[in-house]
Each structure stands twice: as C-alpha cells, then as structure tokens.
C-alpha atoms as a PDB file:
ATOM      1  CA  MET A   1      43.026   4.368  11.187  1.00  0.00           C
ATOM      2  CA  LYS A   2      41.516   6.577  14.035  1.00  0.00           C
ATOM      3  CA  SER A   3      42.203   3.861  16.680  1.00  0.00           C
ATOM      4  CA  GLN A   4      45.632   3.391  15.515  1.00  0.00           C
ATOM      5  CA  GLU A   5      46.420   7.124  15.958  1.00  0.00           C
ATOM      6  CA  ASN A   6      44.660   6.989  19.426  1.00  0.00           C
ATOM      7  CA  GLN A   7      46.950   3.983  20.319  1.00  0.00           C
ATOM      8  CA  LYS A   8      49.957   6.031  19.458  1.00  0.00           C
ATOM      9  CA  LYS A   9      48.813   8.856  21.571  1.00  0.00           C
ATOM     10  CA  LEU A  10      48.062   6.613  24.456  1.00  0.00           C
ATOM     11  CA  LYS A  11      51.441   4.954  24.114  1.00  0.00           C
ATOM     12  CA  TYR A  12      53.425   8.338  24.270  1.00  0.00           C
ATOM     13  CA  MET A  13      51.321   9.729  27.117  1.00  0.00           C
ATOM     14  CA  ASN A  14      52.002   6.444  28.947  1.00  0.00           C
ATOM     15  CA  ALA A  15      55.614   7.218  28.501  1.00  0.00           C
ATOM     16  CA  ALA A  16      55.082  10.690  29.808  1.00  0.00           C
ATOM     17  CA  LEU A  17      53.167   9.338  32.832  1.00  0.00           C
ATOM     18  CA  ARG A  18      56.183   6.915  33.605  1.00  0.00           C
ATOM     19  CA  GLU A  19      58.306  10.075  33.584  1.00  0.00           C
ATOM     20  CA  ALA A  20      55.868  11.775  36.028  1.00  0.00           C
ATOM     21  CA  LYS A  21      56.255   8.892  38.283  1.00  0.00           C
ATOM     22  CA  LYS A  22      59.873   9.142  38.376  1.00  0.00           C
ATOM     23  CA  ALA A  23      59.402  12.835  39.594  1.00  0.00           C
ATOM     24  CA  GLU A  24      57.042  11.757  42.333  1.00  0.00           C
ATOM     25  CA  ASN A  25      59.602   9.171  43.460  1.00  0.00           C
ATOM     26  CA  GLU A  26      62.092  12.136  43.764  1.00  0.00           C
ATOM     27  CA  ASN A  27      59.515  14.420  45.768  1.00  0.00           C
ATOM     28  CA  GLU A  28      59.084  16.648  42.727  1.00  0.00           C
ATOM     29  CA  VAL A  29      55.712  17.623  41.364  1.00  0.00           C
ATOM     30  CA  PRO A  30      54.814  14.652  39.142  1.00  0.00           C
ATOM     31  CA  VAL A  31      54.851  16.060  35.650  1.00  0.00           C
ATOM     32  CA  GLY A  32      56.421  14.250  32.906  1.00  0.00           C
ATOM     33  CA  ALA A  33      57.122  14.680  29.136  1.00  0.00           C
ATOM     34  CA  VAL A  34      58.300  13.082  25.930  1.00  0.00           C
ATOM     35  CA  VAL A  35      59.320  14.554  22.597  1.00  0.00           C
ATOM     36  CA  VAL A  36      58.275  12.486  19.406  1.00  0.00           C
ATOM     37  CA  PHE A  37      60.108  12.812  16.207  1.00  0.00           C
ATOM     38  CA  GLU A  38      59.275  10.537  13.228  1.00  0.00           C
ATOM     39  CA  ASP A  39      57.281   8.438  15.515  1.00  0.00           C
ATOM     40  CA  LYS A  40      60.094   7.620  17.952  1.00  0.00           C
ATOM     41  CA  ILE A  41      60.539   9.149  21.449  1.00  0.00           C
ATOM     42  CA  ILE A  42      63.819  11.127  21.164  1.00  0.00           C
ATOM     43  CA  ALA A  43      63.797  12.827  24.604  1.00  0.00           C
ATOM     44  CA  ARG A  44      62.181  12.217  28.112  1.00  0.00           C
ATOM     45  CA  ALA A  45      62.069  14.252  31.124  1.00  0.00           C
ATOM     46  CA  TYR A  46      60.206  15.078  34.445  1.00  0.00           C
ATOM     47  CA  ASN A  47      60.120  17.911  36.777  1.00  0.00           C
ATOM     48  CA  LYS A  48      63.346  18.572  38.511  1.00  0.00           C
ATOM     49  CA  ARG A  49      62.825  22.027  40.064  1.00  0.00           C
ATOM     50  CA  GLU A  50      63.523  21.070  43.614  1.00  0.00           C
ATOM     51  CA  GLN A  51      66.346  18.930  42.567  1.00  0.00           C
ATOM     52  CA  LYS A  52      68.142  21.334  40.459  1.00  0.00           C
ATOM     53  CA  GLN A  53      66.883  24.658  42.169  1.00  0.00           C
ATOM     54  CA  GLU A  54      66.124  26.066  38.675  1.00  0.00           C
ATOM     55  CA  PHE A  55      62.776  27.697  37.859  1.00  0.00           C
ATOM     56  CA  HIS A  56      62.781  26.392  34.250  1.00  0.00           C
ATOM     57  CA  SER A  57      63.406  22.660  35.212  1.00  0.00           C
ATOM     58  CA  HIS A  58      59.970  21.782  33.965  1.00  0.00           C
ATOM     59  CA  ALA A  59      59.381  18.399  32.385  1.00  0.00           C
ATOM     60  CA  GLU A  60      58.472  19.769  28.961  1.00  0.00           C
ATOM     61  CA  PHE A  61      61.165  22.405  28.995  1.00  0.00           C
ATOM     62  CA  LEU A  62      63.971  19.791  29.781  1.00  0.00           C
ATOM     63  CA  ALA A  63      62.652  17.307  27.182  1.00  0.00           C
ATOM     64  CA  MET A  64      62.512  20.082  24.547  1.00  0.00           C
ATOM     65  CA  MET A  65      66.231  21.028  25.405  1.00  0.00           C
ATOM     66  CA  LYS A  66      67.306  17.373  25.076  1.00  0.00           C
ATOM     67  CA  ALA A  67      65.419  16.891  21.809  1.00  0.00           C
ATOM     68  CA  ALA A  68      67.024  20.159  20.459  1.00  0.00           C
ATOM     69  CA  LYS A  69      70.434  18.860  21.563  1.00  0.00           C
ATOM     70  CA  LYS A  70      69.789  15.597  19.833  1.00  0.00           C
ATOM     71  CA  LEU A  71      68.613  17.043  16.720  1.00  0.00           C
ATOM     72  CA  GLY A  72      71.273  19.561  16.572  1.00  0.00           C
ATOM     73  CA  THR A  73      68.905  22.372  16.152  1.00  0.00           C
ATOM     74  CA  TRP A  74      66.588  24.460  18.278  1.00  0.00           C
ATOM     75  CA  ARG A  75      63.864  24.057  15.507  1.00  0.00           C
ATOM     76  CA  LEU A  76      61.606  21.379  16.742  1.00  0.00           C
ATOM     77  CA  GLU A  77      59.288  21.841  13.944  1.00  0.00           C
ATOM     78  CA  ASP A  78      58.514  18.339  13.261  1.00  0.00           C
ATOM     79  CA  CYS A  79      58.359  17.222  16.846  1.00  0.00           C
ATOM     80  CA  ASP A  80      55.392  16.473  19.135  1.00  0.00           C
ATOM     81  CA  VAL A  81      55.358  17.107  22.937  1.00  0.00           C
ATOM     82  CA  TYR A  82      53.323  14.922  25.134  1.00  0.00           C
ATOM     83  CA  VAL A  83      53.042  16.179  28.676  1.00  0.00           C
ATOM     84  CA  THR A  84      50.942  15.248  31.626  1.00  0.00           C
ATOM     85  CA  LEU A  85      49.938  18.770  32.669  1.00  0.00           C
ATOM     86  CA  GLU A  86      48.701  21.765  30.780  1.00  0.00           C
ATOM     87  CA  PRO A  87      51.778  23.914  29.995  1.00  0.00           C
ATOM     88  CA  CYS A  88      52.614  27.062  32.124  1.00  0.00           C
ATOM     89  CA  PRO A  89      53.410  30.407  30.420  1.00  0.00           C
ATOM     90  CA  MET A  90      57.179  29.679  30.188  1.00  0.00           C
ATOM     91  CA  CYS A  91      56.745  26.232  28.796  1.00  0.00           C
ATOM     92  CA  ALA A  92      54.146  27.301  26.346  1.00  0.00           C
ATOM     93  CA  GLY A  93      56.412  30.163  25.154  1.00  0.00           C
ATOM     94  CA  ALA A  94      59.340  27.815  24.523  1.00  0.00           C
ATOM     95  CA  MET A  95      56.976  25.416  22.555  1.00  0.00           C
ATOM     96  CA  ILE A  96      56.105  28.507  20.442  1.00  0.00           C
ATOM     97  CA  GLN A  97      59.808  29.631  20.030  1.00  0.00           C
ATOM     98  CA  SER A  98      60.937  26.069  19.200  1.00  0.00           C
ATOM     99  CA  ARG A  99      58.117  25.784  16.684  1.00  0.00           C
ATOM    100  CA  ILE A 100      56.858  22.323  17.862  1.00  0.00           C
ATOM    101  CA  LYS A 101      54.234  20.797  15.584  1.00  0.00           C
ATOM    102  CA  ASN A 102      51.895  19.238  18.108  1.00  0.00           C
ATOM    103  CA  LEU A 103      51.075  19.537  21.800  1.00  0.00           C
ATOM    104  CA  TYR A 104      49.316  16.738  23.578  1.00  0.00           C
ATOM    105  CA  TYR A 105      48.616  17.217  27.318  1.00  0.00           C
ATOM    106  CA  ALA A 106      46.713  15.155  29.791  1.00  0.00           C
ATOM    107  CA  ALA A 107      45.242  17.223  32.731  1.00  0.00           C
ATOM    108  CA  ASP A 108      44.155  20.903  32.790  1.00  0.00           C
ATOM    109  CA  ASP A 109      46.005  23.061  35.253  1.00  0.00           C
ATOM    110  CA  PRO A 110      43.445  25.623  36.498  1.00  0.00           C
ATOM    111  CA  LYS A 111      46.306  27.620  38.413  1.00  0.00           C
ATOM    112  CA  SER A 112      49.053  28.132  35.655  1.00  0.00           C
ATOM    113  CA  GLY A 113      47.847  26.481  32.511  1.00  0.00           C
ATOM    114  CA  VAL A 114      47.672  28.652  29.502  1.00  0.00           C
ATOM    115  CA  ALA A 115      46.468  26.247  26.735  1.00  0.00           C
ATOM    116  CA  LYS A 116      42.857  26.762  27.852  1.00  0.00           C
ATOM    117  CA  SER A 117      42.572  27.201  31.613  1.00  0.00           C
ATOM    118  CA  ILE A 118      43.710  30.725  32.435  1.00  0.00           C
ATOM    119  CA  ILE A 119      44.349  32.024  28.875  1.00  0.00           C
ATOM    120  CA  GLN A 120      44.657  30.537  25.495  1.00  0.00           C
ATOM    121  CA  ILE A 121      48.113  31.713  24.560  1.00  0.00           C
ATOM    122  CA  PHE A 122      48.402  29.492  21.722  1.00  0.00           C
ATOM    123  CA  ASP A 123      45.394  31.364  19.960  1.00  0.00           C
ATOM    124  CA  LEU A 124      47.359  34.691  20.063  1.00  0.00           C
ATOM    125  CA  PRO A 125      48.808  35.873  16.840  1.00  0.00           C
ATOM    126  CA  PHE A 126      52.225  34.487  16.920  1.00  0.00           C
ATOM    127  CA  ASN A 127      54.080  33.533  13.794  1.00  0.00           C
ATOM    128  CA  HIS A 128      53.937  29.807  14.637  1.00  0.00           C
ATOM    129  CA  LYS A 129      50.676  27.863  15.233  1.00  0.00           C
ATOM    130  CA  ILE A 130      50.667  24.648  17.186  1.00  0.00           C
ATOM    131  CA  HIS A 131      47.977  21.986  17.077  1.00  0.00           C
ATOM    132  CA  ILE A 132      46.637  21.077  20.583  1.00  0.00           C
ATOM    133  CA  GLU A 133      44.790  18.218  21.890  1.00  0.00           C
ATOM    134  CA  SER A 134      44.083  17.813  25.682  1.00  0.00           C
ATOM    135  CA  GLY A 135      42.548  15.111  27.835  1.00  0.00           C
ATOM    136  CA  ILE A 136      44.679  12.206  26.862  1.00  0.00           C
ATOM    137  CA  MET A 137      44.794  10.129  29.977  1.00  0.00           C
ATOM    138  CA  ALA A 138      43.608  13.118  32.104  1.00  0.00           C
ATOM    139  CA  ASP A 139      42.233  10.977  34.945  1.00  0.00           C
ATOM    140  CA  GLU A 140      45.508   9.101  35.458  1.00  0.00           C
ATOM    141  CA  SER A 141      47.489  12.400  35.533  1.00  0.00           C
ATOM    142  CA  GLN A 142      45.052  14.233  37.843  1.00  0.00           C
ATOM    143  CA  GLU A 143      45.002  11.285  40.239  1.00  0.00           C
ATOM    144  CA  LEU A 144      48.765  11.262  40.342  1.00  0.00           C
ATOM    145  CA  LEU A 145      48.969  15.011  41.087  1.00  0.00           C
ATOM    146  CA  GLU A 146      46.223  15.050  43.549  1.00  0.00           C
ATOM    147  CA  ASN A 147      47.762  12.016  45.662  1.00  0.00           C
ATOM    148  CA  PHE A 148      51.106  13.868  45.524  1.00  0.00           C
ATOM    149  CA  PHE A 149      49.750  17.167  46.873  1.00  0.00           C
ATOM    150  CA  LYS A 150      47.659  15.243  49.650  1.00  0.00           C
ATOM    151  CA  ARG A 151      50.796  13.388  50.731  1.00  0.00           C
ATOM    152  CA  LEU A 152      52.567  16.763  50.785  1.00  0.00           C
ATOM    153  CA  ARG A 153      50.146  18.496  52.877  1.00  0.00           C
ATOM    154  CA  LYS A 154      49.784  15.598  55.268  1.00  0.00           C
ATOM    155  CA  SER A 155      53.720  15.538  55.712  1.00  0.00           C
ATOM    156  CA  LYS A 156      53.641  19.256  56.720  1.00  0.00           C
ATOM    157  CA  ASN A 157      51.067  18.795  59.501  1.00  0.00           C
END
C-alpha cells in the first residue's frame, strides 16, 4: 500500500516538473505545480511572472486559481497541491485561505520558503491545517533550478 501511495506522489510531482520545464523554456524561473482532486490532475501551471508582469503569477497560485474556477468554488479543501519548490509567503497564505488538504513539494527554498526554511507558517494557529510533505523529487527540482540560474548569470556576463 505504501509503495502505491509513493508511486502516486511521484506521478504527480513528475507532472509538476514537466510544468517547471515549460517555465524554463520560456525563460521563467522553473517552478511548476499541479492540483489534484479525486486522484486526477484538475489544474496545471508554471511560473509566469516575467511573461505576465504580475507578482502573483507563481506556479502554485496560478494552478489553484484554475482549480477553483474548474470546481466553481474557492474552497479547495479536498485538493492536493504538488509544487516543485517550497512555497513563498504569498502562496502559503493562498493555500491556507483556499483550505487545501495536502501540500507536497520537492525542493526547499532557503531564500523565501515558509514551510520550513525561513519560518514554519503552516504551524501557526490558523483555523485550517494543511498536511505537508517535502523532498519528493527534490534533487531533480534543485538541479533544474541551479542550472537555470547558472545560465542566467552566464548570460549577464
């Protein structure tokens, strides 16, 4: 049973990584996300901050907006979010407000992650608690991010 559950997590994180690669191809920070409802991906997104010139165009934020539209409600209480990078304060707040059930993320973000890196925002006494798991395909996500930023620095020289 455990391995079947792990296979599902890998499947969904792989889908999030495919989204992250789309972001990379568009010269966006390679972060991708999917929202899962009743064992099906109902929304996919990747970072589009540069493309849209909108501060809130993070992968998980966009995916949650699509999921809410698809379900016809802002309450995502039976949804899981898979994202390739630890959420920032804005996205974490949106997850709490939308009442997602589970957050699964790949790589830690020591600069702006608030699930465990800078603070543990989900441990604060909000009226909604989210189950969190990290480290799923962390190496793949970290490598994608590191390579992107190396290329970016190189192109500026």
